[in-house]
């Protein structure tokens, strides 16, 4: 292959495809475990919140970073995970909502996804 053909091929591969839809099923949620005898008033459960591929595939090829917004009572309540696995583990004592924002690689999608 000549140098000109190689450059043309690279340009074609680097262009964004328009009007192409890609579906990648994801699963997000959380798990929590009671600490039992180790529990105290402020640390009764160990928990993990996660974003995973539906069949455990590597989401790092499409997701650039995941931002988890925890309750304001946590130190550093905005947590940014920039590589798989996109999950966060902590301990605490109560329930609260966690907002998750997924940012995709530029060649996948320009808009973040709020969960």
PDB file of N, CA and C in Angstrom:
ATOM      1  N   UNK A   1       0.851  -1.170   0.000  1.00  0.00           N
ATOM      2  CA  UNK A   1       0.000   0.000   0.000  1.00  0.00           C
ATOM      3  C   UNK A   1       0.895   1.231   0.000  1.00  0.00           C
ATOM      4  N   UNK A   2       0.557   2.175  -0.842  1.00  0.00           N
ATOM      5  CA  UNK A   2       1.367   3.385  -0.938  1.00  0.00           C
ATOM      6  C   UNK A   2       1.070   4.327   0.225  1.00  0.00           C
ATOM      7  N   UNK A   3       1.941   5.298   0.422  1.00  0.00           N
ATOM      8  CA  UNK A   3       1.797   6.283   1.498  1.00  0.00           C
ATOM      9  C   UNK A   3       0.496   7.080   1.335  1.00  0.00           C
ATOM     10  N   UNK A   4       0.151   7.435   0.110  1.00  0.00           N
ATOM     11  CA  UNK A   4      -1.079   8.183  -0.158  1.00  0.00           C
ATOM     12  C   UNK A   4      -2.301   7.353   0.196  1.00  0.00           C
ATOM     13  N   UNK A   5      -2.297   6.079  -0.149  1.00  0.00           N
ATOM     14  CA  UNK A   5      -3.414   5.193   0.177  1.00  0.00           C
ATOM     15  C   UNK A   5      -3.554   5.030   1.692  1.00  0.00           C
ATOM     16  N   UNK A   6      -2.420   4.917   2.390  1.00  0.00           N
ATOM     17  CA  UNK A   6      -2.447   4.803   3.848  1.00  0.00           C
ATOM     18  C   UNK A   6      -3.056   6.050   4.477  1.00  0.00           C
ATOM     19  N   UNK A   7      -2.641   7.227   4.010  1.00  0.00           N
ATOM     20  CA  UNK A   7      -3.164   8.479   4.559  1.00  0.00           C
ATOM     21  C   UNK A   7      -4.661   8.615   4.291  1.00  0.00           C
ATOM     22  N   UNK A   8      -5.105   8.222   3.101  1.00  0.00           N
ATOM     23  CA  UNK A   8      -6.531   8.275   2.774  1.00  0.00           C
ATOM     24  C   UNK A   8      -7.318   7.350   3.681  1.00  0.00           C
ATOM     25  N   UNK A   9      -6.796   6.157   3.909  1.00  0.00           N
ATOM     26  CA  UNK A   9      -7.470   5.189   4.778  1.00  0.00           C
ATOM     27  C   UNK A   9      -7.555   5.710   6.208  1.00  0.00           C
ATOM     28  N   UNK A  10      -6.476   6.320   6.712  1.00  0.00           N
ATOM     29  CA  UNK A  10      -6.494   6.879   8.066  1.00  0.00           C
ATOM     30  C   UNK A  10      -7.526   7.989   8.190  1.00  0.00           C
ATOM     31  N   UNK A  11      -7.633   8.850   7.158  1.00  0.00           N
ATOM     32  CA  UNK A  11      -8.611   9.934   7.193  1.00  0.00           C
ATOM     33  C   UNK A  11     -10.031   9.377   7.258  1.00  0.00           C
ATOM     34  N   UNK A  12     -10.291   8.331   6.497  1.00  0.00           N
ATOM     35  CA  UNK A  12     -11.614   7.713   6.493  1.00  0.00           C
ATOM     36  C   UNK A  12     -11.930   7.134   7.872  1.00  0.00           C
ATOM     37  N   UNK A  13     -10.969   6.461   8.477  1.00  0.00           N
ATOM     38  CA  UNK A  13     -11.188   5.847   9.785  1.00  0.00           C
ATOM     39  C   UNK A  13     -11.346   6.876  10.892  1.00  0.00           C
ATOM     40  N   UNK A  14     -10.728   8.038  10.756  1.00  0.00           N
ATOM     41  CA  UNK A  14     -10.791   9.065  11.789  1.00  0.00           C
ATOM     42  C   UNK A  14     -12.025   9.954  11.696  1.00  0.00           C
ATOM     43  N   UNK A  15     -12.800   9.852  10.612  1.00  0.00           N
ATOM     44  CA  UNK A  15     -14.016  10.644  10.480  1.00  0.00           C
ATOM     45  C   UNK A  15     -15.106  10.087  11.371  1.00  0.00           C
ATOM     46  N   UNK A  16     -15.921  10.985  11.899  1.00  0.00           N
ATOM     47  CA  UNK A  16     -17.074  10.564  12.686  1.00  0.00           C
ATOM     48  C   UNK A  16     -18.157  10.072  11.740  1.00  0.00           C
ATOM     49  N   UNK A  17     -18.793   9.003  12.140  1.00  0.00           N
ATOM     50  CA  UNK A  17     -19.919   8.506  11.372  1.00  0.00           C
ATOM     51  C   UNK A  17     -21.168   9.262  11.821  1.00  0.00           C
ATOM     52  N   UNK A  18     -21.928   9.743  10.873  1.00  0.00           N
ATOM     53  CA  UNK A  18     -23.151  10.455  11.204  1.00  0.00           C
ATOM     54  C   UNK A  18     -24.332   9.520  11.041  1.00  0.00           C
ATOM     55  N   UNK A  19     -25.338   9.731  11.872  1.00  0.00           N
ATOM     56  CA  UNK A  19     -26.572   8.957  11.806  1.00  0.00           C
ATOM     57  C   UNK A  19     -26.348   7.463  11.997  1.00  0.00           C
ATOM     58  N   UNK A  20     -25.362   7.112  12.804  1.00  0.00           N
ATOM     59  CA  UNK A  20     -25.115   5.708  13.130  1.00  0.00           C
ATOM     60  C   UNK A  20     -25.484   5.518  14.593  1.00  0.00           C
ATOM     61  N   UNK A  21     -26.256   4.496  14.868  1.00  0.00           N
ATOM     62  CA  UNK A  21     -26.685   4.226  16.229  1.00  0.00           C
ATOM     63  C   UNK A  21     -25.994   2.968  16.734  1.00  0.00           C
ATOM     64  N   UNK A  22     -25.402   3.087  17.920  1.00  0.00           N
ATOM     65  CA  UNK A  22     -24.741   1.954  18.555  1.00  0.00           C
ATOM     66  C   UNK A  22     -25.434   1.715  19.886  1.00  0.00           C
ATOM     67  N   UNK A  23     -25.847   0.498  20.127  1.00  0.00           N
ATOM     68  CA  UNK A  23     -26.497   0.150  21.392  1.00  0.00           C
ATOM     69  C   UNK A  23     -25.573  -0.738  22.200  1.00  0.00           C
ATOM     70  N   UNK A  24     -25.244  -0.282  23.389  1.00  0.00           N
ATOM     71  CA  UNK A  24     -24.422  -1.067  24.300  1.00  0.00           C
ATOM     72  C   UNK A  24     -25.171  -1.127  25.622  1.00  0.00           C
ATOM     73  N   UNK A  25     -25.739  -2.286  25.941  1.00  0.00           N
ATOM     74  CA  UNK A  25     -26.496  -2.374  27.187  1.00  0.00           C
ATOM     75  C   UNK A  25     -25.582  -2.244  28.411  1.00  0.00           C
ATOM     76  N   UNK A  26     -26.033  -1.435  29.364  1.00  0.00           N
ATOM     77  CA  UNK A  26     -25.288  -1.275  30.610  1.00  0.00           C
ATOM     78  C   UNK A  26     -26.205  -1.595  31.781  1.00  0.00           C
ATOM     79  N   UNK A  27     -25.582  -1.902  32.887  1.00  0.00           N
ATOM     80  CA  UNK A  27     -26.295  -2.154  34.131  1.00  0.00           C
ATOM     81  C   UNK A  27     -25.685  -1.231  35.169  1.00  0.00           C
ATOM     82  N   UNK A  28     -26.528  -0.555  35.924  1.00  0.00           N
ATOM     83  CA  UNK A  28     -26.011   0.257  37.021  1.00  0.00           C
ATOM     84  C   UNK A  28     -26.846  -0.024  38.257  1.00  0.00           C
ATOM     85  N   UNK A  29     -26.187   0.075  39.390  1.00  0.00           N
ATOM     86  CA  UNK A  29     -26.876  -0.211  40.636  1.00  0.00           C
ATOM     87  C   UNK A  29     -25.921  -0.175  41.800  1.00  0.00           C
ATOM     88  N   UNK A  30     -26.339  -0.820  42.880  1.00  0.00           N
ATOM     89  CA  UNK A  30     -25.491  -0.836  44.062  1.00  0.00           C
ATOM     90  C   UNK A  30     -25.711  -2.131  44.839  1.00  0.00           C
ATOM     91  N   UNK A  31     -24.731  -2.458  45.657  1.00  0.00           N
ATOM     92  CA  UNK A  31     -24.837  -3.564  46.601  1.00  0.00           C
ATOM     93  C   UNK A  31     -24.361  -3.046  47.950  1.00  0.00           C
ATOM     94  N   UNK A  32     -24.917  -3.593  49.021  1.00  0.00           N
ATOM     95  CA  UNK A  32     -24.533  -3.165  50.369  1.00  0.00           C
ATOM     96  C   UNK A  32     -24.505  -4.374  51.291  1.00  0.00           C
ATOM     97  N   UNK A  33     -23.565  -4.341  52.235  1.00  0.00           N
ATOM     98  CA  UNK A  33     -23.417  -5.419  53.203  1.00  0.00           C
ATOM     99  C   UNK A  33     -23.353  -4.828  54.603  1.00  0.00           C
ATOM    100  N   UNK A  34     -24.115  -5.418  55.514  1.00  0.00           N
ATOM    101  CA  UNK A  34     -24.070  -5.014  56.906  1.00  0.00           C
ATOM    102  C   UNK A  34     -22.754  -5.485  57.503  1.00  0.00           C
ATOM    103  N   UNK A  35     -22.102  -4.657  58.271  1.00  0.00           N
ATOM    104  CA  UNK A  35     -20.791  -4.967  58.841  1.00  0.00           C
ATOM    105  C   UNK A  35     -20.865  -5.850  60.091  1.00  0.00           C
ATOM    106  N   UNK A  36     -22.055  -6.160  60.550  1.00  0.00           N
ATOM    107  CA  UNK A  36     -22.216  -7.066  61.686  1.00  0.00           C
ATOM    108  C   UNK A  36     -21.598  -6.508  62.952  1.00  0.00           C
ATOM    109  N   UNK A  37     -20.782  -7.323  63.612  1.00  0.00           N
ATOM    110  CA  UNK A  37     -20.158  -6.910  64.880  1.00  0.00           C
ATOM    111  C   UNK A  37     -19.219  -5.724  64.713  1.00  0.00           C
ATOM    112  N   UNK A  38     -18.717  -5.496  63.499  1.00  0.00           N
ATOM    113  CA  UNK A  38     -17.813  -4.366  63.243  1.00  0.00           C
ATOM    114  C   UNK A  38     -18.581  -3.050  63.050  1.00  0.00           C
ATOM    115  N   UNK A  39     -19.904  -3.143  62.946  1.00  0.00           N
ATOM    116  CA  UNK A  39     -20.722  -1.953  62.695  1.00  0.00           C
ATOM    117  C   UNK A  39     -20.731  -1.029  63.909  1.00  0.00           C
ATOM    118  N   UNK A  40     -20.823   0.267  63.624  1.00  0.00           N
ATOM    119  CA  UNK A  40     -21.042   1.248  64.684  1.00  0.00           C
ATOM    120  C   UNK A  40     -22.110   2.224  64.211  1.00  0.00           C
ATOM    121  N   UNK A  41     -22.360   3.230  64.972  1.00  0.00           N
ATOM    122  CA  UNK A  41     -23.443   4.166  64.667  1.00  0.00           C
ATOM    123  C   UNK A  41     -23.284   4.846  63.304  1.00  0.00           C
ATOM    124  N   UNK A  42     -22.038   5.115  62.900  1.00  0.00           N
ATOM    125  CA  UNK A  42     -21.797   5.863  61.667  1.00  0.00           C
ATOM    126  C   UNK A  42     -21.278   5.002  60.512  1.00  0.00           C
ATOM    127  N   UNK A  43     -20.876   3.803  60.797  1.00  0.00           N
ATOM    128  CA  UNK A  43     -20.340   2.904  59.765  1.00  0.00           C
ATOM    129  C   UNK A  43     -20.988   1.535  59.917  1.00  0.00           C
ATOM    130  N   UNK A  44     -22.223   1.395  59.466  1.00  0.00           N
ATOM    131  CA  UNK A  44     -22.931   0.129  59.644  1.00  0.00           C
ATOM    132  C   UNK A  44     -22.923  -0.761  58.403  1.00  0.00           C
ATOM    133  N   UNK A  45     -22.656  -0.163  57.230  1.00  0.00           N
ATOM    134  CA  UNK A  45     -22.686  -0.923  55.981  1.00  0.00           C
ATOM    135  C   UNK A  45     -21.507  -0.570  55.083  1.00  0.00           C
ATOM    136  N   UNK A  46     -21.041  -1.540  54.348  1.00  0.00           N
ATOM    137  CA  UNK A  46     -20.066  -1.339  53.267  1.00  0.00           C
ATOM    138  C   UNK A  46     -20.877  -1.429  51.982  1.00  0.00           C
ATOM    139  N   UNK A  47     -20.701  -0.472  51.061  1.00  0.00           N
ATOM    140  CA  UNK A  47     -21.488  -0.489  49.833  1.00  0.00           C
ATOM    141  C   UNK A  47     -20.638  -0.166  48.618  1.00  0.00           C
ATOM    142  N   UNK A  48     -21.146  -0.576  47.470  1.00  0.00           N
ATOM    143  CA  UNK A  48     -20.509  -0.296  46.186  1.00  0.00           C
ATOM    144  C   UNK A  48     -21.588   0.128  45.200  1.00  0.00           C
ATOM    145  N   UNK A  49     -21.345   1.207  44.477  1.00  0.00           N
ATOM    146  CA  UNK A  49     -22.200   1.628  43.374  1.00  0.00           C
ATOM    147  C   UNK A  49     -21.396   1.401  42.096  1.00  0.00           C
ATOM    148  N   UNK A  50     -22.069   0.946  41.035  1.00  0.00           N
ATOM    149  CA  UNK A  50     -21.336   0.521  39.846  1.00  0.00           C
ATOM    150  C   UNK A  50     -22.088   0.813  38.546  1.00  0.00           C
ATOM    151  N   UNK A  51     -21.303   0.866  37.462  1.00  0.00           N
ATOM    152  CA  UNK A  51     -21.815   0.878  36.088  1.00  0.00           C
ATOM    153  C   UNK A  51     -21.026  -0.215  35.381  1.00  0.00           C
ATOM    154  N   UNK A  52     -21.744  -1.204  34.824  1.00  0.00           N
ATOM    155  CA  UNK A  52     -21.097  -2.356  34.196  1.00  0.00           C
ATOM    156  C   UNK A  52     -21.735  -2.652  32.849  1.00  0.00           C
ATOM    157  N   UNK A  53     -20.994  -3.389  32.041  1.00  0.00           N
ATOM    158  CA  UNK A  53     -21.580  -3.912  30.816  1.00  0.00           C
ATOM    159  C   UNK A  53     -22.583  -4.988  31.180  1.00  0.00           C
ATOM    160  N   UNK A  54     -23.666  -5.101  30.421  1.00  0.00           N
ATOM    161  CA  UNK A  54     -24.735  -6.056  30.741  1.00  0.00           C
ATOM    162  C   UNK A  54     -24.231  -7.492  30.790  1.00  0.00           C
ATOM    163  N   UNK A  55     -23.229  -7.797  29.985  1.00  0.00           N
ATOM    164  CA  UNK A  55     -22.639  -9.143  30.012  1.00  0.00           C
ATOM    165  C   UNK A  55     -21.174  -9.065  30.433  1.00  0.00           C
ATOM    166  N   UNK A  56     -20.880  -8.070  31.267  1.00  0.00           N
ATOM    167  CA  UNK A  56     -19.557  -7.868  31.867  1.00  0.00           C
ATOM    168  C   UNK A  56     -18.471  -7.471  30.864  1.00  0.00           C
ATOM    169  N   UNK A  57     -18.852  -6.907  29.718  1.00  0.00           N
ATOM    170  CA  UNK A  57     -17.856  -6.448  28.764  1.00  0.00           C
ATOM    171  C   UNK A  57     -17.178  -5.173  29.252  1.00  0.00           C
ATOM    172  N   UNK A  58     -16.025  -4.872  28.705  1.00  0.00           N
ATOM    173  CA  UNK A  58     -15.233  -3.709  29.093  1.00  0.00           C
ATOM    174  C   UNK A  58     -15.881  -2.445  28.530  1.00  0.00           C
ATOM    175  N   UNK A  59     -16.409  -1.596  29.403  1.00  0.00           N
ATOM    176  CA  UNK A  59     -17.038  -0.354  28.954  1.00  0.00           C
ATOM    177  C   UNK A  59     -16.021   0.751  28.704  1.00  0.00           C
ATOM    178  N   UNK A  60     -14.763   0.509  29.027  1.00  0.00           N
ATOM    179  CA  UNK A  60     -13.722   1.511  28.821  1.00  0.00           C
ATOM    180  C   UNK A  60     -13.528   1.891  27.366  1.00  0.00           C
ATOM    181  N   UNK A  61     -13.990   1.061  26.444  1.00  0.00           N
ATOM    182  CA  UNK A  61     -13.854   1.401  25.024  1.00  0.00           C
ATOM    183  C   UNK A  61     -14.847   2.472  24.592  1.00  0.00           C
ATOM    184  N   UNK A  62     -15.926   2.664  25.355  1.00  0.00           N
ATOM    185  CA  UNK A  62     -16.908   3.696  25.013  1.00  0.00           C
ATOM    186  C   UNK A  62     -17.033   4.785  26.073  1.00  0.00           C
ATOM    187  N   UNK A  63     -16.811   4.437  27.345  1.00  0.00           N
ATOM    188  CA  UNK A  63     -16.945   5.414  28.428  1.00  0.00           C
ATOM    189  C   UNK A  63     -15.582   5.980  28.795  1.00  0.00           C
ATOM    190  N   UNK A  64     -15.494   7.294  28.788  1.00  0.00           N
ATOM    191  CA  UNK A  64     -14.240   7.973  29.168  1.00  0.00           C
ATOM    192  C   UNK A  64     -14.134   8.092  30.680  1.00  0.00           C
ATOM    193  N   UNK A  65     -15.267   8.479  31.339  1.00  0.00           N
ATOM    194  CA  UNK A  65     -15.271   8.601  32.793  1.00  0.00           C
ATOM    195  C   UNK A  65     -16.703   8.558  33.309  1.00  0.00           C
ATOM    196  N   UNK A  66     -16.808   8.173  34.575  1.00  0.00           N
ATOM    197  CA  UNK A  66     -18.090   8.171  35.275  1.00  0.00           C
ATOM    198  C   UNK A  66     -17.953   9.085  36.484  1.00  0.00           C
ATOM    199  N   UNK A  67     -18.933   9.939  36.688  1.00  0.00           N
ATOM    200  CA  UNK A  67     -18.932  10.859  37.818  1.00  0.00           C
ATOM    201  C   UNK A  67     -20.088  10.460  38.739  1.00  0.00           C
ATOM    202  N   UNK A  68     -19.750  10.135  39.982  1.00  0.00           N
ATOM    203  CA  UNK A  68     -20.729   9.752  40.994  1.00  0.00           C
ATOM    204  C   UNK A  68     -20.904  10.919  41.955  1.00  0.00           C
ATOM    205  N   UNK A  69     -22.128  11.400  42.113  1.00  0.00           N
ATOM    206  CA  UNK A  69     -22.413  12.495  43.031  1.00  0.00           C
ATOM    207  C   UNK A  69     -23.038  11.906  44.291  1.00  0.00           C
ATOM    208  N   UNK A  70     -22.244  11.852  45.360  1.00  0.00           N
ATOM    209  CA  UNK A  70     -22.695  11.293  46.628  1.00  0.00           C
ATOM    210  C   UNK A  70     -23.412  12.354  47.466  1.00  0.00           C
ATOM    211  N   UNK A  71     -23.955  11.932  48.591  1.00  0.00           N
ATOM    212  CA  UNK A  71     -24.591  12.853  49.539  1.00  0.00           C
ATOM    213  C   UNK A  71     -23.558  13.870  50.012  1.00  0.00           C
ATOM    214  N   UNK A  72     -24.000  15.073  50.277  1.00  0.00           N
ATOM    215  CA  UNK A  72     -23.082  16.162  50.655  1.00  0.00           C
ATOM    216  C   UNK A  72     -22.370  15.919  51.980  1.00  0.00           C
ATOM    217  N   UNK A  73     -22.824  14.954  52.777  1.00  0.00           N
ATOM    218  CA  UNK A  73     -22.156  14.668  54.045  1.00  0.00           C
ATOM    219  C   UNK A  73     -20.835  13.911  53.859  1.00  0.00           C
ATOM    220  N   UNK A  74     -20.578  13.383  52.672  1.00  0.00           N
ATOM    221  CA  UNK A  74     -19.321  12.682  52.400  1.00  0.00           C
ATOM    222  C   UNK A  74     -18.207  13.681  52.114  1.00  0.00           C
ATOM    223  N   UNK A  75     -16.997  13.331  52.528  1.00  0.00           N
ATOM    224  CA  UNK A  75     -15.836  14.104  52.105  1.00  0.00           C
ATOM    225  C   UNK A  75     -15.708  13.916  50.603  1.00  0.00           C
ATOM    226  N   UNK A  76     -15.455  15.007  49.881  1.00  0.00           N
ATOM    227  CA  UNK A  76     -15.328  14.947  48.435  1.00  0.00           C
ATOM    228  C   UNK A  76     -16.520  14.200  47.814  1.00  0.00           C
ATOM    229  N   UNK A  77     -17.721  14.769  47.878  1.00  0.00           N
ATOM    230  CA  UNK A  77     -18.909  14.051  47.412  1.00  0.00           C
ATOM    231  C   UNK A  77     -18.983  13.825  45.898  1.00  0.00           C
ATOM    232  N   UNK A  78     -18.201  14.551  45.116  1.00  0.00           N
ATOM    233  CA  UNK A  78     -18.155  14.314  43.670  1.00  0.00           C
ATOM    234  C   UNK A  78     -16.950  13.433  43.379  1.00  0.00           C
ATOM    235  N   UNK A  79     -17.208  12.197  42.967  1.00  0.00           N
ATOM    236  CA  UNK A  79     -16.130  11.228  42.707  1.00  0.00           C
ATOM    237  C   UNK A  79     -16.064  10.936  41.217  1.00  0.00           C
ATOM    238  N   UNK A  80     -14.867  11.042  40.659  1.00  0.00           N
ATOM    239  CA  UNK A  80     -14.656  10.824  39.226  1.00  0.00           C
ATOM    240  C   UNK A  80     -13.829   9.556  39.049  1.00  0.00           C
ATOM    241  N   UNK A  81     -14.368   8.617  38.287  1.00  0.00           N
ATOM    242  CA  UNK A  81     -13.665   7.372  37.968  1.00  0.00           C
ATOM    243  C   UNK A  81     -13.356   7.414  36.478  1.00  0.00           C
ATOM    244  N   UNK A  82     -12.054   7.390  36.135  1.00  0.00           N
ATOM    245  CA  UNK A  82     -11.654   7.585  34.742  1.00  0.00           C
ATOM    246  C   UNK A  82     -11.199   6.313  34.037  1.00  0.00           C
ATOM    247  N   UNK A  83     -11.383   5.167  34.666  1.00  0.00           N
ATOM    248  CA  UNK A  83     -10.997   3.903  34.025  1.00  0.00           C
ATOM    249  C   UNK A  83     -11.851   2.786  34.609  1.00  0.00           C
ATOM    250  N   UNK A  84     -12.098   1.762  33.820  1.00  0.00           N
ATOM    251  CA  UNK A  84     -12.872   0.639  34.363  1.00  0.00           C
ATOM    252  C   UNK A  84     -12.092  -0.067  35.463  1.00  0.00           C
ATOM    253  N   UNK A  85     -12.738  -0.674  36.412  1.00  0.00           N
ATOM    254  CA  UNK A  85     -14.198  -0.758  36.533  1.00  0.00           C
ATOM    255  C   UNK A  85     -14.764   0.560  37.036  1.00  0.00           C
ATOM    256  N   UNK A  86     -15.902   0.944  36.498  1.00  0.00           N
ATOM    257  CA  UNK A  86     -16.554   2.194  36.888  1.00  0.00           C
ATOM    258  C   UNK A  86     -17.415   1.908  38.116  1.00  0.00           C
ATOM    259  N   UNK A  87     -16.748   1.896  39.255  1.00  0.00           N
ATOM    260  CA  UNK A  87     -17.444   1.622  40.514  1.00  0.00           C
ATOM    261  C   UNK A  87     -16.754   2.343  41.648  1.00  0.00           C
ATOM    262  N   UNK A  88     -17.485   2.461  42.736  1.00  0.00           N
ATOM    263  CA  UNK A  88     -17.002   3.200  43.894  1.00  0.00           C
ATOM    264  C   UNK A  88     -17.485   2.480  45.142  1.00  0.00           C
ATOM    265  N   UNK A  89     -16.589   2.249  46.085  1.00  0.00           N
ATOM    266  CA  UNK A  89     -16.947   1.581  47.341  1.00  0.00           C
ATOM    267  C   UNK A  89     -16.686   2.514  48.516  1.00  0.00           C
ATOM    268  N   UNK A  90     -17.590   2.489  49.478  1.00  0.00           N
ATOM    269  CA  UNK A  90     -17.499   3.318  50.679  1.00  0.00           C
ATOM    270  C   UNK A  90     -18.191   2.589  51.807  1.00  0.00           C
ATOM    271  N   UNK A  91     -18.233   3.223  52.956  1.00  0.00           N
ATOM    272  CA  UNK A  91     -19.029   2.704  54.063  1.00  0.00           C
ATOM    273  C   UNK A  91     -19.816   3.857  54.657  1.00  0.00           C
ATOM    274  N   UNK A  92     -20.920   3.523  55.315  1.00  0.00           N
ATOM    275  CA  UNK A  92     -21.768   4.553  55.895  1.00  0.00           C
ATOM    276  C   UNK A  92     -22.914   3.929  56.661  1.00  0.00           C
ATOM    277  N   UNK A  93     -23.931   4.752  56.959  1.00  0.00           N
ATOM    278  CA  UNK A  93     -25.001   4.284  57.830  1.00  0.00           C
ATOM    279  C   UNK A  93     -26.401   4.500  57.282  1.00  0.00           C
ATOM    280  N   UNK A  94     -26.599   5.202  56.194  1.00  0.00           N
ATOM    281  CA  UNK A  94     -27.957   5.516  55.752  1.00  0.00           C
ATOM    282  C   UNK A  94     -28.147   5.384  54.256  1.00  0.00           C
ATOM    283  N   UNK A  95     -29.356   5.714  53.817  1.00  0.00           N
ATOM    284  CA  UNK A  95     -29.692   5.672  52.398  1.00  0.00           C
ATOM    285  C   UNK A  95     -29.640   7.074  51.811  1.00  0.00           C
ATOM    286  N   UNK A  96     -29.289   7.159  50.516  1.00  0.00           N
ATOM    287  CA  UNK A  96     -29.314   8.422  49.801  1.00  0.00           C
ATOM    288  C   UNK A  96     -29.264   8.120  48.309  1.00  0.00           C
ATOM    289  N   UNK A  97     -29.660   9.081  47.516  1.00  0.00           N
ATOM    290  CA  UNK A  97     -29.621   8.948  46.065  1.00  0.00           C
ATOM    291  C   UNK A  97     -28.219   9.290  45.570  1.00  0.00           C
ATOM    292  N   UNK A  98     -27.789   8.587  44.531  1.00  0.00           N
ATOM    293  CA  UNK A  98     -26.503   8.874  43.889  1.00  0.00           C
ATOM    294  C   UNK A  98     -26.776   9.183  42.422  1.00  0.00           C
ATOM    295  N   UNK A  99     -26.381  10.370  41.987  1.00  0.00           N
ATOM    296  CA  UNK A  99     -26.479  10.715  40.572  1.00  0.00           C
ATOM    297  C   UNK A  99     -25.214  10.225  39.877  1.00  0.00           C
ATOM    298  N   UNK A 100     -25.383   9.631  38.710  1.00  0.00           N
ATOM    299  CA  UNK A 100     -24.248   9.133  37.933  1.00  0.00           C
ATOM    300  C   UNK A 100     -24.294   9.818  36.570  1.00  0.00           C
ATOM    301  N   UNK A 101     -23.172  10.385  36.153  1.00  0.00           N
ATOM    302  CA  UNK A 101     -23.066  10.965  34.816  1.00  0.00           C
ATOM    303  C   UNK A 101     -21.952  10.235  34.083  1.00  0.00           C
ATOM    304  N   UNK A 102     -22.287   9.706  32.901  1.00  0.00           N
ATOM    305  CA  UNK A 102     -21.304   9.002  32.075  1.00  0.00           C
ATOM    306  C   UNK A 102     -20.864   9.918  30.945  1.00  0.00           C
ATOM    307  N   UNK A 103     -19.558  10.026  30.778  1.00  0.00           N
ATOM    308  CA  UNK A 103     -18.975  10.794  29.681  1.00  0.00           C
ATOM    309  C   UNK A 103     -18.324   9.796  28.724  1.00  0.00           C
ATOM    310  N   UNK A 104     -18.633   9.952  27.448  1.00  0.00           N
ATOM    311  CA  UNK A 104     -18.160   9.010  26.447  1.00  0.00           C
ATOM    312  C   UNK A 104     -16.948   9.561  25.708  1.00  0.00           C
ATOM    313  N   UNK A 105     -16.204   8.669  25.092  1.00  0.00           N
ATOM    314  CA  UNK A 105     -15.106   9.102  24.234  1.00  0.00           C
ATOM    315  C   UNK A 105     -15.696   9.925  23.090  1.00  0.00           C
ATOM    316  N   UNK A 106     -14.938  10.904  22.610  1.00  0.00           N
ATOM    317  CA  UNK A 106     -15.437  11.841  21.597  1.00  0.00           C
ATOM    318  C   UNK A 106     -15.934  11.162  20.327  1.00  0.00           C
ATOM    319  N   UNK A 107     -15.326  10.060  19.965  1.00  0.00           N
ATOM    320  CA  UNK A 107     -15.755   9.397  18.728  1.00  0.00           C
ATOM    321  C   UNK A 107     -17.012   8.554  18.923  1.00  0.00           C
ATOM    322  N   UNK A 108     -17.486   8.442  20.163  1.00  0.00           N
ATOM    323  CA  UNK A 108     -18.690   7.651  20.458  1.00  0.00           C
ATOM    324  C   UNK A 108     -19.909   8.561  20.568  1.00  0.00           C
ATOM    325  N   UNK A 109     -19.811   9.555  21.449  1.00  0.00           N
ATOM    326  CA  UNK A 109     -20.957  10.442  21.683  1.00  0.00           C
ATOM    327  C   UNK A 109     -20.459  11.721  22.348  1.00  0.00           C
ATOM    328  N   UNK A 110     -21.015  12.850  21.912  1.00  0.00           N
ATOM    329  CA  UNK A 110     -20.606  14.140  22.473  1.00  0.00           C
ATOM    330  C   UNK A 110     -21.370  14.493  23.754  1.00  0.00           C
ATOM    331  N   UNK A 111     -22.532  13.880  23.956  1.00  0.00           N
ATOM    332  CA  UNK A 111     -23.392  14.247  25.084  1.00  0.00           C
ATOM    333  C   UNK A 111     -23.207  13.271  26.246  1.00  0.00           C
ATOM    334  N   UNK A 112     -23.124  13.793  27.469  1.00  0.00           N
ATOM    335  CA  UNK A 112     -23.070  12.897  28.633  1.00  0.00           C
ATOM    336  C   UNK A 112     -24.440  12.273  28.882  1.00  0.00           C
ATOM    337  N   UNK A 113     -24.437  11.160  29.597  1.00  0.00           N
ATOM    338  CA  UNK A 113     -25.668  10.459  29.949  1.00  0.00           C
ATOM    339  C   UNK A 113     -25.839  10.532  31.455  1.00  0.00           C
ATOM    340  N   UNK A 114     -26.985  11.067  31.897  1.00  0.00           N
ATOM    341  CA  UNK A 114     -27.279  11.185  33.328  1.00  0.00           C
ATOM    342  C   UNK A 114     -28.143  10.023  33.777  1.00  0.00           C
ATOM    343  N   UNK A 115     -27.701   9.335  34.819  1.00  0.00           N
ATOM    344  CA  UNK A 115     -28.451   8.209  35.369  1.00  0.00           C
ATOM    345  C   UNK A 115     -28.895   8.567  36.780  1.00  0.00           C
TER     346      UNK A 115
END
